[in-house]
Amino acid sequence: MPLISPLYVGLLALLSVGLGLRVSRVRMKCKVSVGDAGNPEMIKAIRVHANSIEYIPLGVVLLVLMELQGAHTWQIHLAGAGFLLARLMHAYGFGRTPQLTAARFWGMILNYGIIALMAVLNIWFALS
């Protein structure tokens, strides 16, 4: 039974909810019910949230599978904390106006690196 990964899954879920609430707040502010109405602020809020939804599910599945396959506690914490940090950095950098391109860039580099690491570890555990 997973005992560590649920911590990171929960925190990542809260990040997704927070980004979704931001979309709702911008919708009310900009009076946009559906779509983005070509509004740059609306477009940005939607894309920041959508980007998290594109990557978080894969990351949490990989993290939980690592734990189920017997990864060491430190490996699960490293992957979970790294992935959470990556998603926070990307959301913060991308969501700012003007964008903090360094935070967005390094957030995505870390995001890809942690996902690749978790994928390789899952393959390793499966073949061991």
N, C-alpha and C. Protein backbone atom coordinates (compact mmCIF):
# COMPACT_ATOMS: atom_id res chain seq x y z
N MET A 1 0.84 -1.19 0.00
CA MET A 1 0.00 0.00 0.00
C MET A 1 0.88 1.25 0.00
N PRO A 2 0.63 2.17 -0.91
CA PRO A 2 1.42 3.41 -0.95
C PRO A 2 1.22 4.25 0.31
N LEU A 3 2.32 4.68 0.89
CA LEU A 3 2.27 5.49 2.10
C LEU A 3 2.89 6.88 1.90
N ILE A 4 3.80 7.00 0.95
CA ILE A 4 4.52 8.26 0.73
C ILE A 4 3.94 9.03 -0.45
N SER A 5 3.73 8.35 -1.56
CA SER A 5 3.27 9.04 -2.77
C SER A 5 1.95 9.78 -2.58
N PRO A 6 1.02 9.31 -1.73
CA PRO A 6 -0.21 10.10 -1.55
C PRO A 6 0.02 11.53 -1.06
N LEU A 7 1.10 11.76 -0.33
CA LEU A 7 1.44 13.12 0.09
C LEU A 7 1.63 14.02 -1.14
N TYR A 8 2.43 13.55 -2.08
CA TYR A 8 2.72 14.35 -3.27
C TYR A 8 1.53 14.41 -4.21
N VAL A 9 0.78 13.31 -4.31
CA VAL A 9 -0.43 13.31 -5.13
C VAL A 9 -1.41 14.35 -4.59
N GLY A 10 -1.57 14.40 -3.28
CA GLY A 10 -2.46 15.38 -2.67
C GLY A 10 -2.01 16.81 -2.90
N LEU A 11 -0.72 17.06 -2.74
CA LEU A 11 -0.20 18.42 -2.96
C LEU A 11 -0.34 18.84 -4.43
N LEU A 12 -0.08 17.91 -5.34
CA LEU A 12 -0.23 18.21 -6.77
C LEU A 12 -1.70 18.44 -7.13
N ALA A 13 -2.60 17.70 -6.49
CA ALA A 13 -4.03 17.93 -6.70
C ALA A 13 -4.43 19.31 -6.23
N LEU A 14 -3.91 19.73 -5.08
CA LEU A 14 -4.21 21.07 -4.58
C LEU A 14 -3.67 22.15 -5.52
N LEU A 15 -2.49 21.90 -6.10
CA LEU A 15 -1.95 22.84 -7.09
C LEU A 15 -2.91 22.95 -8.27
N SER A 16 -3.40 21.82 -8.76
CA SER A 16 -4.34 21.82 -9.89
C SER A 16 -5.62 22.56 -9.54
N VAL A 17 -6.13 22.33 -8.34
CA VAL A 17 -7.35 23.03 -7.91
C VAL A 17 -7.08 24.54 -7.84
N GLY A 18 -5.95 24.91 -7.28
CA GLY A 18 -5.61 26.33 -7.20
C GLY A 18 -5.52 26.99 -8.57
N LEU A 19 -4.91 26.31 -9.51
CA LEU A 19 -4.81 26.86 -10.87
C LEU A 19 -6.18 26.91 -11.53
N GLY A 20 -7.03 25.92 -11.25
CA GLY A 20 -8.39 25.94 -11.78
C GLY A 20 -9.20 27.09 -11.20
N LEU A 21 -9.03 27.34 -9.90
CA LEU A 21 -9.72 28.46 -9.27
C LEU A 21 -9.25 29.79 -9.86
N ARG A 22 -7.97 29.84 -10.21
CA ARG A 22 -7.45 31.06 -10.85
C ARG A 22 -8.15 31.31 -12.19
N VAL A 23 -8.37 30.23 -12.95
CA VAL A 23 -9.10 30.36 -14.22
C VAL A 23 -10.50 30.91 -13.94
N SER A 24 -11.17 30.38 -12.94
CA SER A 24 -12.53 30.85 -12.60
C SER A 24 -12.52 32.32 -12.19
N ARG A 25 -11.53 32.71 -11.40
CA ARG A 25 -11.42 34.11 -10.96
C ARG A 25 -11.20 35.04 -12.15
N VAL A 26 -10.32 34.63 -13.07
CA VAL A 26 -10.07 35.46 -14.26
C VAL A 26 -11.31 35.51 -15.14
N ARG A 27 -12.04 34.40 -15.24
CA ARG A 27 -13.29 34.38 -16.01
C ARG A 27 -14.27 35.43 -15.47
N MET A 28 -14.43 35.46 -14.15
CA MET A 28 -15.35 36.43 -13.55
C MET A 28 -14.86 37.86 -13.78
N LYS A 29 -13.57 38.06 -13.60
CA LYS A 29 -12.99 39.40 -13.78
C LYS A 29 -13.16 39.90 -15.20
N CYS A 30 -12.89 39.00 -16.15
CA CYS A 30 -12.94 39.38 -17.57
C CYS A 30 -14.31 39.17 -18.21
N LYS A 31 -15.25 38.61 -17.43
CA LYS A 31 -16.59 38.34 -17.92
C LYS A 31 -16.58 37.45 -19.16
N VAL A 32 -15.82 36.35 -19.05
CA VAL A 32 -15.72 35.37 -20.14
C VAL A 32 -16.28 34.06 -19.61
N SER A 33 -17.43 33.66 -20.16
CA SER A 33 -18.08 32.44 -19.69
C SER A 33 -17.50 31.18 -20.33
N VAL A 34 -17.25 31.23 -21.62
CA VAL A 34 -16.77 30.06 -22.36
C VAL A 34 -15.58 30.48 -23.23
N GLY A 35 -14.59 29.61 -23.29
CA GLY A 35 -13.43 29.92 -24.13
C GLY A 35 -12.56 30.99 -23.49
N ASP A 36 -11.84 31.71 -24.37
CA ASP A 36 -10.93 32.73 -23.85
C ASP A 36 -11.23 34.13 -24.36
N ALA A 37 -12.17 34.25 -25.31
CA ALA A 37 -12.58 35.54 -25.89
C ALA A 37 -11.39 36.35 -26.42
N GLY A 38 -10.29 35.67 -26.70
CA GLY A 38 -9.11 36.37 -27.20
C GLY A 38 -8.41 37.23 -26.16
N ASN A 39 -8.82 37.11 -24.91
CA ASN A 39 -8.25 37.90 -23.83
C ASN A 39 -6.93 37.28 -23.39
N PRO A 40 -5.83 38.03 -23.47
CA PRO A 40 -4.52 37.47 -23.11
C PRO A 40 -4.44 36.95 -21.68
N GLU A 41 -5.07 37.63 -20.74
CA GLU A 41 -5.04 37.17 -19.34
C GLU A 41 -5.80 35.84 -19.20
N MET A 42 -6.92 35.74 -19.90
CA MET A 42 -7.71 34.52 -19.87
C MET A 42 -6.95 33.37 -20.53
N ILE A 43 -6.34 33.64 -21.66
CA ILE A 43 -5.56 32.63 -22.37
C ILE A 43 -4.45 32.10 -21.47
N LYS A 44 -3.75 33.00 -20.81
CA LYS A 44 -2.63 32.59 -19.95
C LYS A 44 -3.13 31.72 -18.79
N ALA A 45 -4.19 32.14 -18.12
CA ALA A 45 -4.71 31.36 -16.99
C ALA A 45 -5.13 29.96 -17.44
N ILE A 46 -5.80 29.88 -18.57
CA ILE A 46 -6.23 28.58 -19.09
C ILE A 46 -5.03 27.71 -19.42
N ARG A 47 -4.02 28.28 -20.06
CA ARG A 47 -2.85 27.48 -20.46
C ARG A 47 -2.02 27.03 -19.27
N VAL A 48 -1.90 27.85 -18.25
CA VAL A 48 -1.15 27.45 -17.05
C VAL A 48 -1.84 26.24 -16.42
N HIS A 49 -3.16 26.32 -16.28
CA HIS A 49 -3.92 25.21 -15.71
C HIS A 49 -3.84 23.98 -16.63
N ALA A 50 -4.05 24.18 -17.91
CA ALA A 50 -4.03 23.06 -18.86
C ALA A 50 -2.67 22.37 -18.87
N ASN A 51 -1.60 23.13 -18.77
CA ASN A 51 -0.27 22.52 -18.77
C ASN A 51 -0.11 21.62 -17.56
N SER A 52 -0.62 22.04 -16.42
CA SER A 52 -0.52 21.18 -15.23
C SER A 52 -1.33 19.90 -15.44
N ILE A 53 -2.48 20.02 -16.05
CA ILE A 53 -3.34 18.86 -16.29
C ILE A 53 -2.71 17.92 -17.33
N GLU A 54 -1.89 18.45 -18.19
CA GLU A 54 -1.21 17.62 -19.20
C GLU A 54 -0.11 16.76 -18.58
N TYR A 55 0.55 17.22 -17.53
CA TYR A 55 1.70 16.51 -16.98
C TYR A 55 1.47 15.84 -15.64
N ILE A 56 0.64 16.41 -14.78
CA ILE A 56 0.47 15.86 -13.44
C ILE A 56 -0.05 14.42 -13.43
N PRO A 57 -1.06 14.08 -14.24
CA PRO A 57 -1.53 12.68 -14.19
C PRO A 57 -0.43 11.65 -14.48
N LEU A 58 0.38 11.89 -15.48
CA LEU A 58 1.47 10.97 -15.80
C LEU A 58 2.46 10.89 -14.64
N GLY A 59 2.80 12.03 -14.08
CA GLY A 59 3.75 12.06 -12.98
C GLY A 59 3.25 11.31 -11.76
N VAL A 60 1.99 11.48 -11.41
CA VAL A 60 1.49 10.80 -10.21
C VAL A 60 1.36 9.29 -10.44
N VAL A 61 1.00 8.88 -11.63
CA VAL A 61 0.94 7.44 -11.92
C VAL A 61 2.33 6.83 -11.79
N LEU A 62 3.32 7.48 -12.37
CA LEU A 62 4.69 6.97 -12.27
C LEU A 62 5.18 6.93 -10.83
N LEU A 63 4.85 7.95 -10.06
CA LEU A 63 5.28 8.01 -8.66
C LEU A 63 4.64 6.88 -7.84
N VAL A 64 3.34 6.69 -7.99
CA VAL A 64 2.65 5.63 -7.25
C VAL A 64 3.18 4.25 -7.67
N LEU A 65 3.41 4.06 -8.97
CA LEU A 65 3.95 2.77 -9.42
C LEU A 65 5.34 2.52 -8.86
N MET A 66 6.15 3.57 -8.76
CA MET A 66 7.47 3.41 -8.14
C MET A 66 7.33 2.87 -6.72
N GLU A 67 6.43 3.48 -5.98
CA GLU A 67 6.25 3.05 -4.60
C GLU A 67 5.70 1.62 -4.53
N LEU A 68 4.76 1.29 -5.39
CA LEU A 68 4.19 -0.06 -5.39
C LEU A 68 5.23 -1.12 -5.76
N GLN A 69 6.22 -0.71 -6.56
CA GLN A 69 7.26 -1.64 -6.98
C GLN A 69 8.42 -1.72 -5.99
N GLY A 70 8.33 -1.00 -4.89
CA GLY A 70 9.33 -1.13 -3.84
C GLY A 70 10.48 -0.16 -3.90
N ALA A 71 10.28 1.00 -4.51
CA ALA A 71 11.34 2.01 -4.51
C ALA A 71 11.68 2.41 -3.08
N HIS A 72 12.92 2.80 -2.86
CA HIS A 72 13.35 3.27 -1.55
C HIS A 72 12.59 4.55 -1.19
N THR A 73 12.43 4.76 0.09
CA THR A 73 11.75 5.96 0.59
C THR A 73 12.38 7.22 0.02
N TRP A 74 13.71 7.30 0.01
CA TRP A 74 14.39 8.50 -0.47
C TRP A 74 14.12 8.71 -1.96
N GLN A 75 13.98 7.63 -2.73
CA GLN A 75 13.70 7.76 -4.16
C GLN A 75 12.31 8.35 -4.38
N ILE A 76 11.36 7.90 -3.60
CA ILE A 76 9.98 8.39 -3.74
C ILE A 76 9.91 9.86 -3.34
N HIS A 77 10.56 10.21 -2.22
CA HIS A 77 10.56 11.61 -1.80
C HIS A 77 11.29 12.50 -2.80
N LEU A 78 12.41 12.03 -3.31
CA LEU A 78 13.16 12.82 -4.29
C LEU A 78 12.33 13.06 -5.55
N ALA A 79 11.73 11.99 -6.07
CA ALA A 79 10.91 12.12 -7.28
C ALA A 79 9.67 12.98 -7.01
N GLY A 80 8.99 12.73 -5.89
CA GLY A 80 7.78 13.49 -5.58
C GLY A 80 8.05 14.96 -5.34
N ALA A 81 9.06 15.25 -4.54
CA ALA A 81 9.40 16.65 -4.25
C ALA A 81 9.93 17.35 -5.49
N GLY A 82 10.74 16.65 -6.27
CA GLY A 82 11.26 17.24 -7.51
C GLY A 82 10.16 17.55 -8.49
N PHE A 83 9.21 16.63 -8.63
CA PHE A 83 8.10 16.84 -9.56
C PHE A 83 7.21 17.99 -9.09
N LEU A 84 6.93 18.03 -7.79
CA LEU A 84 6.13 19.13 -7.24
C LEU A 84 6.84 20.46 -7.45
N LEU A 85 8.13 20.51 -7.17
CA LEU A 85 8.90 21.74 -7.39
C LEU A 85 8.85 22.15 -8.86
N ALA A 86 9.00 21.19 -9.76
CA ALA A 86 8.97 21.49 -11.19
C ALA A 86 7.63 22.11 -11.58
N ARG A 87 6.54 21.53 -11.09
CA ARG A 87 5.21 22.04 -11.46
C ARG A 87 4.98 23.42 -10.84
N LEU A 88 5.45 23.65 -9.62
CA LEU A 88 5.31 24.96 -9.00
C LEU A 88 6.12 26.02 -9.75
N MET A 89 7.36 25.66 -10.10
CA MET A 89 8.22 26.61 -10.83
C MET A 89 7.59 26.98 -12.17
N HIS A 90 7.10 25.97 -12.88
CA HIS A 90 6.51 26.25 -14.19
C HIS A 90 5.27 27.12 -14.06
N ALA A 91 4.38 26.76 -13.14
CA ALA A 91 3.14 27.53 -12.96
C ALA A 91 3.45 28.97 -12.55
N TYR A 92 4.40 29.15 -11.67
CA TYR A 92 4.77 30.49 -11.21
C TYR A 92 5.39 31.30 -12.35
N GLY A 93 6.35 30.70 -13.04
CA GLY A 93 7.03 31.42 -14.12
C GLY A 93 6.13 31.74 -15.29
N PHE A 94 5.30 30.78 -15.67
CA PHE A 94 4.40 30.95 -16.82
C PHE A 94 3.24 31.87 -16.46
N GLY A 95 2.75 31.79 -15.23
CA GLY A 95 1.58 32.54 -14.84
C GLY A 95 1.82 34.00 -14.53
N ARG A 96 3.05 34.38 -14.35
CA ARG A 96 3.37 35.78 -14.04
C ARG A 96 3.26 36.66 -15.28
N THR A 97 3.00 37.93 -15.05
CA THR A 97 3.02 38.91 -16.13
C THR A 97 3.93 40.04 -15.69
N PRO A 98 5.06 40.25 -16.39
CA PRO A 98 5.56 39.43 -17.48
C PRO A 98 6.04 38.07 -16.98
N GLN A 99 6.12 37.12 -17.90
CA GLN A 99 6.56 35.78 -17.54
C GLN A 99 7.97 35.80 -16.95
N LEU A 100 8.19 34.91 -16.02
CA LEU A 100 9.54 34.68 -15.52
C LEU A 100 10.07 33.49 -16.31
N THR A 101 10.66 33.78 -17.45
CA THR A 101 11.02 32.71 -18.38
C THR A 101 12.02 31.73 -17.79
N ALA A 102 12.90 32.18 -16.90
CA ALA A 102 13.87 31.26 -16.29
C ALA A 102 13.14 30.24 -15.42
N ALA A 103 12.17 30.69 -14.62
CA ALA A 103 11.42 29.77 -13.77
C ALA A 103 10.61 28.80 -14.63
N ARG A 104 10.00 29.32 -15.67
CA ARG A 104 9.22 28.45 -16.57
C ARG A 104 10.14 27.43 -17.24
N PHE A 105 11.25 27.89 -17.78
CA PHE A 105 12.19 27.02 -18.48
C PHE A 105 12.73 25.93 -17.56
N TRP A 106 13.26 26.32 -16.39
CA TRP A 106 13.86 25.34 -15.49
C TRP A 106 12.80 24.43 -14.87
N GLY A 107 11.60 24.96 -14.71
CA GLY A 107 10.50 24.11 -14.25
C GLY A 107 10.20 23.00 -15.23
N MET A 108 10.21 23.33 -16.52
CA MET A 108 9.94 22.30 -17.53
C MET A 108 11.13 21.34 -17.67
N ILE A 109 12.34 21.85 -17.58
CA ILE A 109 13.50 20.96 -17.64
C ILE A 109 13.44 19.95 -16.49
N LEU A 110 13.16 20.45 -15.28
CA LEU A 110 13.04 19.57 -14.13
C LEU A 110 11.86 18.61 -14.31
N ASN A 111 10.75 19.11 -14.83
CA ASN A 111 9.57 18.29 -15.09
C ASN A 111 9.92 17.11 -16.00
N TYR A 112 10.55 17.40 -17.13
CA TYR A 112 10.93 16.33 -18.07
C TYR A 112 11.94 15.38 -17.44
N GLY A 113 12.90 15.93 -16.72
CA GLY A 113 13.92 15.09 -16.10
C GLY A 113 13.35 14.14 -15.07
N ILE A 114 12.45 14.64 -14.21
CA ILE A 114 11.85 13.79 -13.17
C ILE A 114 10.94 12.74 -13.80
N ILE A 115 10.16 13.12 -14.80
CA ILE A 115 9.30 12.14 -15.48
C ILE A 115 10.16 11.05 -16.12
N ALA A 116 11.23 11.45 -16.79
CA ALA A 116 12.12 10.46 -17.42
C ALA A 116 12.76 9.56 -16.36
N LEU A 117 13.20 10.14 -15.25
CA LEU A 117 13.80 9.36 -14.17
C LEU A 117 12.80 8.36 -13.61
N MET A 118 11.58 8.80 -13.35
CA MET A 118 10.57 7.89 -12.82
C MET A 118 10.25 6.79 -13.83
N ALA A 119 10.20 7.13 -15.10
CA ALA A 119 9.93 6.12 -16.13
C ALA A 119 11.03 5.07 -16.15
N VAL A 120 12.28 5.51 -16.13
CA VAL A 120 13.42 4.58 -16.14
C VAL A 120 13.41 3.71 -14.88
N LEU A 121 13.16 4.31 -13.72
CA LEU A 121 13.10 3.53 -12.48
C LEU A 121 11.98 2.50 -12.52
N ASN A 122 10.83 2.88 -13.06
CA ASN A 122 9.73 1.92 -13.18
C ASN A 122 10.10 0.76 -14.09
N ILE A 123 10.76 1.06 -15.19
CA ILE A 123 11.21 -0.01 -16.09
C ILE A 123 12.23 -0.89 -15.39
N TRP A 124 13.16 -0.27 -14.69
CA TRP A 124 14.19 -1.02 -13.94
C TRP A 124 13.56 -1.96 -12.92
N PHE A 125 12.63 -1.43 -12.13
CA PHE A 125 11.97 -2.26 -11.12
C PHE A 125 11.19 -3.38 -11.77
N ALA A 126 10.54 -3.11 -12.89
CA ALA A 126 9.75 -4.13 -13.57
C ALA A 126 10.62 -5.27 -14.11
N LEU A 127 11.83 -4.93 -14.52
CA LEU A 127 12.73 -5.94 -15.10
C LEU A 127 13.60 -6.64 -14.05
N SER A 128 13.62 -6.12 -12.84
CA SER A 128 14.47 -6.70 -11.79
C SER A 128 13.82 -7.91 -11.14
